[in-house]
C-alpha cells in the first residue's frame, strides 16, 4: 500500500505543471511498478491463460511488457483514490 501511495505522490508531483484536469488524474504504468509489482502482473496474466508461458517464453514476455508500457494499467482521479481507500479527509 505504501509503495502505491509513493508512486501516486510521485506522479502527482510530476503533473503539477500540467492543466487542472491533469492534476486530478493519475495514470500508473507497468514501468512505474517495482520488480515485485511487475512480477504480480505477469503472474496474473500467466495464471489466466493456460496456453501462455510468460516466464519461459521470452518473445511472449517481451510482447506483453511492450504492450503494457504503452497504456496505463490504472487511471484514477484523486476523488476515486480517496473513496476506494476510505481515506478520511
PDB file of N, CA and C in Angstrom:
ATOM      1  N   UNK A   1       0.826  -1.190   0.000  1.00  0.00           N
ATOM      2  CA  UNK A   1       0.000   0.000   0.000  1.00  0.00           C
ATOM      3  C   UNK A   1       0.876   1.262   0.000  1.00  0.00           C
ATOM      4  N   UNK A   2       1.927   1.255   0.835  1.00  0.00           N
ATOM      5  CA  UNK A   2       2.778   2.445   0.891  1.00  0.00           C
ATOM      6  C   UNK A   2       3.531   2.660  -0.418  1.00  0.00           C
ATOM      7  N   UNK A   3       3.898   1.578  -1.114  1.00  0.00           N
ATOM      8  CA  UNK A   3       4.568   1.717  -2.408  1.00  0.00           C
ATOM      9  C   UNK A   3       3.632   2.373  -3.413  1.00  0.00           C
ATOM     10  N   UNK A   4       2.373   1.949  -3.386  1.00  0.00           N
ATOM     11  CA  UNK A   4       1.375   2.524  -4.290  1.00  0.00           C
ATOM     12  C   UNK A   4       1.200   4.013  -3.998  1.00  0.00           C
ATOM     13  N   UNK A   5       1.146   4.375  -2.732  1.00  0.00           N
ATOM     14  CA  UNK A   5       0.985   5.791  -2.364  1.00  0.00           C
ATOM     15  C   UNK A   5       2.196   6.609  -2.798  1.00  0.00           C
ATOM     16  N   UNK A   6       3.412   6.043  -2.677  1.00  0.00           N
ATOM     17  CA  UNK A   6       4.615   6.753  -3.123  1.00  0.00           C
ATOM     18  C   UNK A   6       4.583   6.970  -4.635  1.00  0.00           C
ATOM     19  N   UNK A   7       4.133   5.956  -5.374  1.00  0.00           N
ATOM     20  CA  UNK A   7       4.020   6.093  -6.826  1.00  0.00           C
ATOM     21  C   UNK A   7       3.014   7.180  -7.161  1.00  0.00           C
ATOM     22  N   UNK A   8       1.888   7.155  -6.464  1.00  0.00           N
ATOM     23  CA  UNK A   8       0.844   8.147  -6.696  1.00  0.00           C
ATOM     24  C   UNK A   8       1.368   9.541  -6.403  1.00  0.00           C
ATOM     25  N   UNK A   9       2.043   9.711  -5.280  1.00  0.00           N
ATOM     26  CA  UNK A   9       2.586  11.031  -4.916  1.00  0.00           C
ATOM     27  C   UNK A   9       3.595  11.509  -5.952  1.00  0.00           C
ATOM     28  N   UNK A  10       4.446  10.600  -6.416  1.00  0.00           N
ATOM     29  CA  UNK A  10       5.448  10.973  -7.411  1.00  0.00           C
ATOM     30  C   UNK A  10       4.795  11.410  -8.713  1.00  0.00           C
ATOM     31  N   UNK A  11       3.799  10.656  -9.158  1.00  0.00           N
ATOM     32  CA  UNK A  11       3.128  11.004 -10.407  1.00  0.00           C
ATOM     33  C   UNK A  11       2.357  12.304 -10.294  1.00  0.00           C
ATOM     34  N   UNK A  12       1.741  12.524  -9.154  1.00  0.00           N
ATOM     35  CA  UNK A  12       1.012  13.778  -8.945  1.00  0.00           C
ATOM     36  C   UNK A  12       1.987  14.949  -8.957  1.00  0.00           C
ATOM     37  N   UNK A  13       3.147  14.787  -8.343  1.00  0.00           N
ATOM     38  CA  UNK A  13       4.161  15.845  -8.320  1.00  0.00           C
ATOM     39  C   UNK A  13       4.651  16.156  -9.731  1.00  0.00           C
ATOM     40  N   UNK A  14       4.837  15.107 -10.553  1.00  0.00           N
ATOM     41  CA  UNK A  14       5.296  15.309 -11.924  1.00  0.00           C
ATOM     42  C   UNK A  14       4.258  16.039 -12.771  1.00  0.00           C
ATOM     43  N   UNK A  15       3.004  15.935 -12.388  1.00  0.00           N
ATOM     44  CA  UNK A  15       1.945  16.548 -13.177  1.00  0.00           C
ATOM     45  C   UNK A  15       1.603  17.958 -12.710  1.00  0.00           C
ATOM     46  N   UNK A  16       2.304  18.496 -11.733  1.00  0.00           N
ATOM     47  CA  UNK A  16       1.991  19.814 -11.179  1.00  0.00           C
ATOM     48  C   UNK A  16       1.974  20.923 -12.233  1.00  0.00           C
ATOM     49  N   UNK A  17       2.810  20.808 -13.246  1.00  0.00           N
ATOM     50  CA  UNK A  17       2.894  21.860 -14.258  1.00  0.00           C
ATOM     51  C   UNK A  17       1.821  21.743 -15.337  1.00  0.00           C
ATOM     52  N   UNK A  18       1.054  20.670 -15.318  1.00  0.00           N
ATOM     53  CA  UNK A  18       0.039  20.457 -16.335  1.00  0.00           C
ATOM     54  C   UNK A  18      -1.276  21.103 -15.910  1.00  0.00           C
ATOM     55  N   UNK A  19      -2.300  21.030 -16.781  1.00  0.00           N
ATOM     56  CA  UNK A  19      -3.595  21.660 -16.529  1.00  0.00           C
ATOM     57  C   UNK A  19      -4.309  21.106 -15.303  1.00  0.00           C
ATOM     58  N   UNK A  20      -5.373  21.812 -14.881  1.00  0.00           N
ATOM     59  CA  UNK A  20      -6.120  21.419 -13.689  1.00  0.00           C
ATOM     60  C   UNK A  20      -6.692  20.015 -13.805  1.00  0.00           C
ATOM     61  N   UNK A  21      -7.213  19.651 -14.964  1.00  0.00           N
ATOM     62  CA  UNK A  21      -7.807  18.315 -15.126  1.00  0.00           C
ATOM     63  C   UNK A  21      -6.748  17.231 -14.959  1.00  0.00           C
ATOM     64  N   UNK A  22      -5.549  17.471 -15.489  1.00  0.00           N
ATOM     65  CA  UNK A  22      -4.473  16.501 -15.352  1.00  0.00           C
ATOM     66  C   UNK A  22      -4.022  16.350 -13.905  1.00  0.00           C
ATOM     67  N   UNK A  23      -4.134  17.390 -13.118  1.00  0.00           N
ATOM     68  CA  UNK A  23      -3.753  17.322 -11.711  1.00  0.00           C
ATOM     69  C   UNK A  23      -4.679  16.419 -10.922  1.00  0.00           C
ATOM     70  N   UNK A  24      -5.896  16.243 -11.398  1.00  0.00           N
ATOM     71  CA  UNK A  24      -6.874  15.443 -10.683  1.00  0.00           C
ATOM     72  C   UNK A  24      -6.793  13.963 -11.066  1.00  0.00           C
ATOM     73  N   UNK A  25      -6.040  13.645 -12.103  1.00  0.00           N
ATOM     74  CA  UNK A  25      -5.991  12.281 -12.622  1.00  0.00           C
ATOM     75  C   UNK A  25      -4.580  11.712 -12.509  1.00  0.00           C
ATOM     76  N   UNK A  26      -4.512  10.456 -12.107  1.00  0.00           N
ATOM     77  CA  UNK A  26      -3.223   9.775 -12.030  1.00  0.00           C
ATOM     78  C   UNK A  26      -3.248   8.566 -12.945  1.00  0.00           C
ATOM     79  N   UNK A  27      -2.153   8.330 -13.632  1.00  0.00           N
ATOM     80  CA  UNK A  27      -2.018   7.170 -14.506  1.00  0.00           C
ATOM     81  C   UNK A  27      -0.817   6.365 -14.021  1.00  0.00           C
ATOM     82  N   UNK A  28      -1.041   5.096 -13.757  1.00  0.00           N
ATOM     83  CA  UNK A  28       0.035   4.221 -13.307  1.00  0.00           C
ATOM     84  C   UNK A  28       0.347   3.238 -14.428  1.00  0.00           C
ATOM     85  N   UNK A  29       1.590   3.272 -14.876  1.00  0.00           N
ATOM     86  CA  UNK A  29       2.036   2.411 -15.960  1.00  0.00           C
ATOM     87  C   UNK A  29       2.799   1.212 -15.403  1.00  0.00           C
ATOM     88  N   UNK A  30       2.875   0.166 -16.172  1.00  0.00           N
ATOM     89  CA  UNK A  30       3.635  -1.034 -15.819  1.00  0.00           C
ATOM     90  C   UNK A  30       5.069  -0.660 -15.435  1.00  0.00           C
ATOM     91  N   UNK A  31       5.674   0.266 -16.177  1.00  0.00           N
ATOM     92  CA  UNK A  31       7.055   0.667 -15.907  1.00  0.00           C
ATOM     93  C   UNK A  31       7.218   1.398 -14.574  1.00  0.00           C
ATOM     94  N   UNK A  32       6.116   1.900 -13.996  1.00  0.00           N
ATOM     95  CA  UNK A  32       6.180   2.583 -12.704  1.00  0.00           C
ATOM     96  C   UNK A  32       6.281   1.611 -11.537  1.00  0.00           C
ATOM     97  N   UNK A  33       5.955   0.346 -11.774  1.00  0.00           N
ATOM     98  CA  UNK A  33       5.953  -0.645 -10.708  1.00  0.00           C
ATOM     99  C   UNK A  33       7.367  -1.129 -10.407  1.00  0.00           C
ATOM    100  N   UNK A  34       7.582  -1.562  -9.150  1.00  0.00           N
ATOM    101  CA  UNK A  34       8.863  -2.181  -8.834  1.00  0.00           C
ATOM    102  C   UNK A  34       8.842  -3.619  -9.352  1.00  0.00           C
ATOM    103  N   UNK A  35       9.929  -4.345  -9.196  1.00  0.00           N
ATOM    104  CA  UNK A  35      10.024  -5.701  -9.744  1.00  0.00           C
ATOM    105  C   UNK A  35       8.944  -6.623  -9.177  1.00  0.00           C
ATOM    106  N   UNK A  36       8.619  -6.451  -7.899  1.00  0.00           N
ATOM    107  CA  UNK A  36       7.565  -7.257  -7.267  1.00  0.00           C
ATOM    108  C   UNK A  36       6.219  -7.012  -7.940  1.00  0.00           C
ATOM    109  N   UNK A  37       5.892  -5.761  -8.180  1.00  0.00           N
ATOM    110  CA  UNK A  37       4.632  -5.406  -8.834  1.00  0.00           C
ATOM    111  C   UNK A  37       4.566  -5.924 -10.250  1.00  0.00           C
ATOM    112  N   UNK A  38       5.676  -5.806 -10.984  1.00  0.00           N
ATOM    113  CA  UNK A  38       5.717  -6.312 -12.352  1.00  0.00           C
ATOM    114  C   UNK A  38       5.514  -7.825 -12.372  1.00  0.00           C
ATOM    115  N   UNK A  39       6.147  -8.517 -11.417  1.00  0.00           N
ATOM    116  CA  UNK A  39       6.002  -9.977 -11.339  1.00  0.00           C
ATOM    117  C   UNK A  39       4.553 -10.360 -11.052  1.00  0.00           C
ATOM    118  N   UNK A  40       3.878  -9.610 -10.192  1.00  0.00           N
ATOM    119  CA  UNK A  40       2.478  -9.909  -9.888  1.00  0.00           C
ATOM    120  C   UNK A  40       1.593  -9.743 -11.117  1.00  0.00           C
ATOM    121  N   UNK A  41       1.867  -8.720 -11.921  1.00  0.00           N
ATOM    122  CA  UNK A  41       1.099  -8.518 -13.151  1.00  0.00           C
ATOM    123  C   UNK A  41       1.336  -9.694 -14.099  1.00  0.00           C
ATOM    124  N   UNK A  42       2.607 -10.091 -14.265  1.00  0.00           N
ATOM    125  CA  UNK A  42       2.919 -11.216 -15.151  1.00  0.00           C
ATOM    126  C   UNK A  42       2.346 -12.524 -14.607  1.00  0.00           C
ATOM    127  N   UNK A  43       2.373 -12.707 -13.278  1.00  0.00           N
ATOM    128  CA  UNK A  43       1.767 -13.897 -12.659  1.00  0.00           C
ATOM    129  C   UNK A  43       0.274 -13.973 -12.977  1.00  0.00           C
ATOM    130  N   UNK A  44      -0.404 -12.859 -12.895  1.00  0.00           N
ATOM    131  CA  UNK A  44      -1.847 -12.828 -13.155  1.00  0.00           C
ATOM    132  C   UNK A  44      -2.138 -13.186 -14.609  1.00  0.00           C
ATOM    133  N   UNK A  45      -1.344 -12.654 -15.535  1.00  0.00           N
ATOM    134  CA  UNK A  45      -1.533 -12.980 -16.954  1.00  0.00           C
ATOM    135  C   UNK A  45      -1.234 -14.455 -17.188  1.00  0.00           C
ATOM    136  N   UNK A  46      -0.145 -14.947 -16.604  1.00  0.00           N
ATOM    137  CA  UNK A  46       0.255 -16.346 -16.758  1.00  0.00           C
ATOM    138  C   UNK A  46      -0.824 -17.289 -16.224  1.00  0.00           C
ATOM    139  N   UNK A  47      -1.424 -16.946 -15.089  1.00  0.00           N
ATOM    140  CA  UNK A  47      -2.460 -17.785 -14.481  1.00  0.00           C
ATOM    141  C   UNK A  47      -3.768 -17.747 -15.267  1.00  0.00           C
ATOM    142  N   UNK A  48      -4.013 -16.675 -15.990  1.00  0.00           N
ATOM    143  CA  UNK A  48      -5.275 -16.515 -16.712  1.00  0.00           C
ATOM    144  C   UNK A  48      -5.337 -17.318 -18.016  1.00  0.00           C
ATOM    145  N   UNK A  49      -4.184 -17.616 -18.584  1.00  0.00           N
ATOM    146  CA  UNK A  49      -4.160 -18.295 -19.882  1.00  0.00           C
ATOM    147  C   UNK A  49      -3.322 -19.564 -19.780  1.00  0.00           C
ATOM    148  N   UNK A  50      -3.977 -20.708 -19.922  1.00  0.00           N
ATOM    149  CA  UNK A  50      -3.287 -21.994 -19.797  1.00  0.00           C
ATOM    150  C   UNK A  50      -2.236 -22.197 -20.883  1.00  0.00           C
ATOM    151  N   UNK A  51      -2.480 -21.632 -22.061  1.00  0.00           N
ATOM    152  CA  UNK A  51      -1.594 -21.859 -23.206  1.00  0.00           C
ATOM    153  C   UNK A  51      -0.429 -20.864 -23.269  1.00  0.00           C
ATOM    154  N   UNK A  52      -0.359 -19.930 -22.327  1.00  0.00           N
ATOM    155  CA  UNK A  52       0.696 -18.915 -22.338  1.00  0.00           C
ATOM    156  C   UNK A  52       1.689 -19.215 -21.216  1.00  0.00           C
ATOM    157  N   UNK A  53       2.969 -19.194 -21.575  1.00  0.00           N
ATOM    158  CA  UNK A  53       4.026 -19.374 -20.570  1.00  0.00           C
ATOM    159  C   UNK A  53       4.847 -18.083 -20.533  1.00  0.00           C
ATOM    160  N   UNK A  54       4.424 -17.181 -19.683  1.00  0.00           N
ATOM    161  CA  UNK A  54       5.006 -15.835 -19.633  1.00  0.00           C
ATOM    162  C   UNK A  54       6.473 -15.857 -19.222  1.00  0.00           C
ATOM    163  N   UNK A  55       6.842 -16.754 -18.328  1.00  0.00           N
ATOM    164  CA  UNK A  55       8.183 -16.694 -17.751  1.00  0.00           C
ATOM    165  C   UNK A  55       9.239 -17.462 -18.540  1.00  0.00           C
ATOM    166  N   UNK A  56       8.837 -18.461 -19.303  1.00  0.00           N
ATOM    167  CA  UNK A  56       9.815 -19.235 -20.067  1.00  0.00           C
ATOM    168  C   UNK A  56       9.901 -18.821 -21.530  1.00  0.00           C
ATOM    169  N   UNK A  57       8.889 -18.132 -22.025  1.00  0.00           N
ATOM    170  CA  UNK A  57       8.879 -17.712 -23.424  1.00  0.00           C
ATOM    171  C   UNK A  57       9.210 -16.221 -23.500  1.00  0.00           C
ATOM    172  N   UNK A  58      10.460 -15.933 -23.885  1.00  0.00           N
ATOM    173  CA  UNK A  58      10.934 -14.545 -23.927  1.00  0.00           C
ATOM    174  C   UNK A  58      10.145 -13.684 -24.909  1.00  0.00           C
ATOM    175  N   UNK A  59       9.745 -14.255 -26.028  1.00  0.00           N
ATOM    176  CA  UNK A  59       9.006 -13.482 -27.036  1.00  0.00           C
ATOM    177  C   UNK A  59       7.652 -13.055 -26.482  1.00  0.00           C
ATOM    178  N   UNK A  60       6.962 -13.993 -25.821  1.00  0.00           N
ATOM    179  CA  UNK A  60       5.664 -13.670 -25.219  1.00  0.00           C
ATOM    180  C   UNK A  60       5.834 -12.602 -24.148  1.00  0.00           C
ATOM    181  N   UNK A  61       6.810 -12.778 -23.261  1.00  0.00           N
ATOM    182  CA  UNK A  61       7.034 -11.804 -22.187  1.00  0.00           C
ATOM    183  C   UNK A  61       7.370 -10.428 -22.747  1.00  0.00           C
ATOM    184  N   UNK A  62       8.223 -10.377 -23.756  1.00  0.00           N
ATOM    185  CA  UNK A  62       8.586  -9.090 -24.369  1.00  0.00           C
ATOM    186  C   UNK A  62       7.383  -8.419 -25.010  1.00  0.00           C
ATOM    187  N   UNK A  63       6.536  -9.197 -25.684  1.00  0.00           N
ATOM    188  CA  UNK A  63       5.319  -8.638 -26.286  1.00  0.00           C
ATOM    189  C   UNK A  63       4.383  -8.084 -25.215  1.00  0.00           C
ATOM    190  N   UNK A  64       4.230  -8.839 -24.129  1.00  0.00           N
ATOM    191  CA  UNK A  64       3.368  -8.383 -23.031  1.00  0.00           C
ATOM    192  C   UNK A  64       3.923  -7.105 -22.423  1.00  0.00           C
ATOM    193  N   UNK A  65       5.219  -7.094 -22.103  1.00  0.00           N
ATOM    194  CA  UNK A  65       5.828  -5.915 -21.478  1.00  0.00           C
ATOM    195  C   UNK A  65       5.788  -4.701 -22.398  1.00  0.00           C
ATOM    196  N   UNK A  66       5.973  -4.912 -23.682  1.00  0.00           N
ATOM    197  CA  UNK A  66       5.902  -3.794 -24.627  1.00  0.00           C
ATOM    198  C   UNK A  66       4.486  -3.216 -24.668  1.00  0.00           C
ATOM    199  N   UNK A  67       3.501  -4.086 -24.713  1.00  0.00           N
ATOM    200  CA  UNK A  67       2.108  -3.623 -24.735  1.00  0.00           C
ATOM    201  C   UNK A  67       1.739  -2.919 -23.437  1.00  0.00           C
ATOM    202  N   UNK A  68       2.191  -3.453 -22.310  1.00  0.00           N
ATOM    203  CA  UNK A  68       1.867  -2.859 -21.016  1.00  0.00           C
ATOM    204  C   UNK A  68       2.515  -1.495 -20.817  1.00  0.00           C
ATOM    205  N   UNK A  69       3.606  -1.225 -21.503  1.00  0.00           N
ATOM    206  CA  UNK A  69       4.294   0.054 -21.326  1.00  0.00           C
ATOM    207  C   UNK A  69       3.632   1.185 -22.107  1.00  0.00           C
ATOM    208  N   UNK A  70       2.706   0.858 -23.014  1.00  0.00           N
ATOM    209  CA  UNK A  70       2.102   1.875 -23.870  1.00  0.00           C
ATOM    210  C   UNK A  70       0.883   2.547 -23.257  1.00  0.00           C
ATOM    211  N   UNK A  71       0.139   1.818 -22.428  1.00  0.00           N
ATOM    212  CA  UNK A  71      -1.094   2.358 -21.850  1.00  0.00           C
ATOM    213  C   UNK A  71      -1.055   2.183 -20.341  1.00  0.00           C
ATOM    214  N   UNK A  72      -1.710   3.064 -19.607  1.00  0.00           N
ATOM    215  CA  UNK A  72      -1.697   2.923 -18.149  1.00  0.00           C
ATOM    216  C   UNK A  72      -2.472   1.691 -17.688  1.00  0.00           C
ATOM    217  N   UNK A  73      -1.962   1.058 -16.631  1.00  0.00           N
ATOM    218  CA  UNK A  73      -2.679  -0.050 -16.011  1.00  0.00           C
ATOM    219  C   UNK A  73      -3.877   0.467 -15.236  1.00  0.00           C
ATOM    220  N   UNK A  74      -3.680   1.617 -14.597  1.00  0.00           N
ATOM    221  CA  UNK A  74      -4.715   2.210 -13.740  1.00  0.00           C
ATOM    222  C   UNK A  74      -4.792   3.696 -14.042  1.00  0.00           C
ATOM    223  N   UNK A  75      -5.995   4.210 -14.158  1.00  0.00           N
ATOM    224  CA  UNK A  75      -6.223   5.647 -14.261  1.00  0.00           C
ATOM    225  C   UNK A  75      -7.279   5.999 -13.232  1.00  0.00           C
ATOM    226  N   UNK A  76      -6.914   6.827 -12.265  1.00  0.00           N
ATOM    227  CA  UNK A  76      -7.814   7.216 -11.187  1.00  0.00           C
ATOM    228  C   UNK A  76      -7.751   8.713 -10.961  1.00  0.00           C
ATOM    229  N   UNK A  77      -8.867   9.256 -10.527  1.00  0.00           N
ATOM    230  CA  UNK A  77      -8.856  10.650 -10.086  1.00  0.00           C
ATOM    231  C   UNK A  77      -8.552  10.659  -8.593  1.00  0.00           C
ATOM    232  N   UNK A  78      -8.173  11.811  -8.097  1.00  0.00           N
ATOM    233  CA  UNK A  78      -7.924  11.954  -6.666  1.00  0.00           C
ATOM    234  C   UNK A  78      -9.136  11.558  -5.842  1.00  0.00           C
ATOM    235  N   UNK A  79     -10.311  11.934  -6.319  1.00  0.00           N
ATOM    236  CA  UNK A  79     -11.553  11.612  -5.603  1.00  0.00           C
ATOM    237  C   UNK A  79     -11.774  10.098  -5.546  1.00  0.00           C
ATOM    238  N   UNK A  80     -11.487   9.403  -6.661  1.00  0.00           N
ATOM    239  CA  UNK A  80     -11.635   7.950  -6.687  1.00  0.00           C
ATOM    240  C   UNK A  80     -10.670   7.279  -5.723  1.00  0.00           C
ATOM    241  N   UNK A  81      -9.450   7.781  -5.652  1.00  0.00           N
ATOM    242  CA  UNK A  81      -8.459   7.219  -4.731  1.00  0.00           C
ATOM    243  C   UNK A  81      -8.949   7.349  -3.294  1.00  0.00           C
ATOM    244  N   UNK A  82      -9.408   8.524  -2.934  1.00  0.00           N
ATOM    245  CA  UNK A  82      -9.907   8.763  -1.575  1.00  0.00           C
ATOM    246  C   UNK A  82     -11.090   7.849  -1.278  1.00  0.00           C
ATOM    247  N   UNK A  83     -12.024   7.732  -2.205  1.00  0.00           N
ATOM    248  CA  UNK A  83     -13.210   6.907  -1.983  1.00  0.00           C
ATOM    249  C   UNK A  83     -12.869   5.416  -1.895  1.00  0.00           C
ATOM    250  N   UNK A  84     -12.022   4.924  -2.787  1.00  0.00           N
ATOM    251  CA  UNK A  84     -11.687   3.497  -2.806  1.00  0.00           C
ATOM    252  C   UNK A  84     -10.838   3.078  -1.616  1.00  0.00           C
ATOM    253  N   UNK A  85     -10.036   3.990  -1.107  1.00  0.00           N
ATOM    254  CA  UNK A  85      -9.149   3.683   0.010  1.00  0.00           C
ATOM    255  C   UNK A  85      -9.768   4.037   1.353  1.00  0.00           C
ATOM    256  N   UNK A  86     -10.989   4.572   1.326  1.00  0.00           N
ATOM    257  CA  UNK A  86     -11.667   5.016   2.552  1.00  0.00           C
ATOM    258  C   UNK A  86     -10.805   5.968   3.388  1.00  0.00           C
ATOM    259  N   UNK A  87     -10.185   6.914   2.698  1.00  0.00           N
ATOM    260  CA  UNK A  87      -9.352   7.909   3.372  1.00  0.00           C
ATOM    261  C   UNK A  87     -10.255   9.011   3.920  1.00  0.00           C
ATOM    262  N   UNK A  88     -10.063   9.292   5.189  1.00  0.00           N
ATOM    263  CA  UNK A  88     -10.855  10.364   5.804  1.00  0.00           C
ATOM    264  C   UNK A  88     -10.094  11.665   5.671  1.00  0.00           C
ATOM    265  N   UNK A  89     -10.744  12.663   5.105  1.00  0.00           N
ATOM    266  CA  UNK A  89     -10.094  13.973   4.924  1.00  0.00           C
ATOM    267  C   UNK A  89     -10.604  14.962   5.950  1.00  0.00           C
TER     268      UNK A  89
END
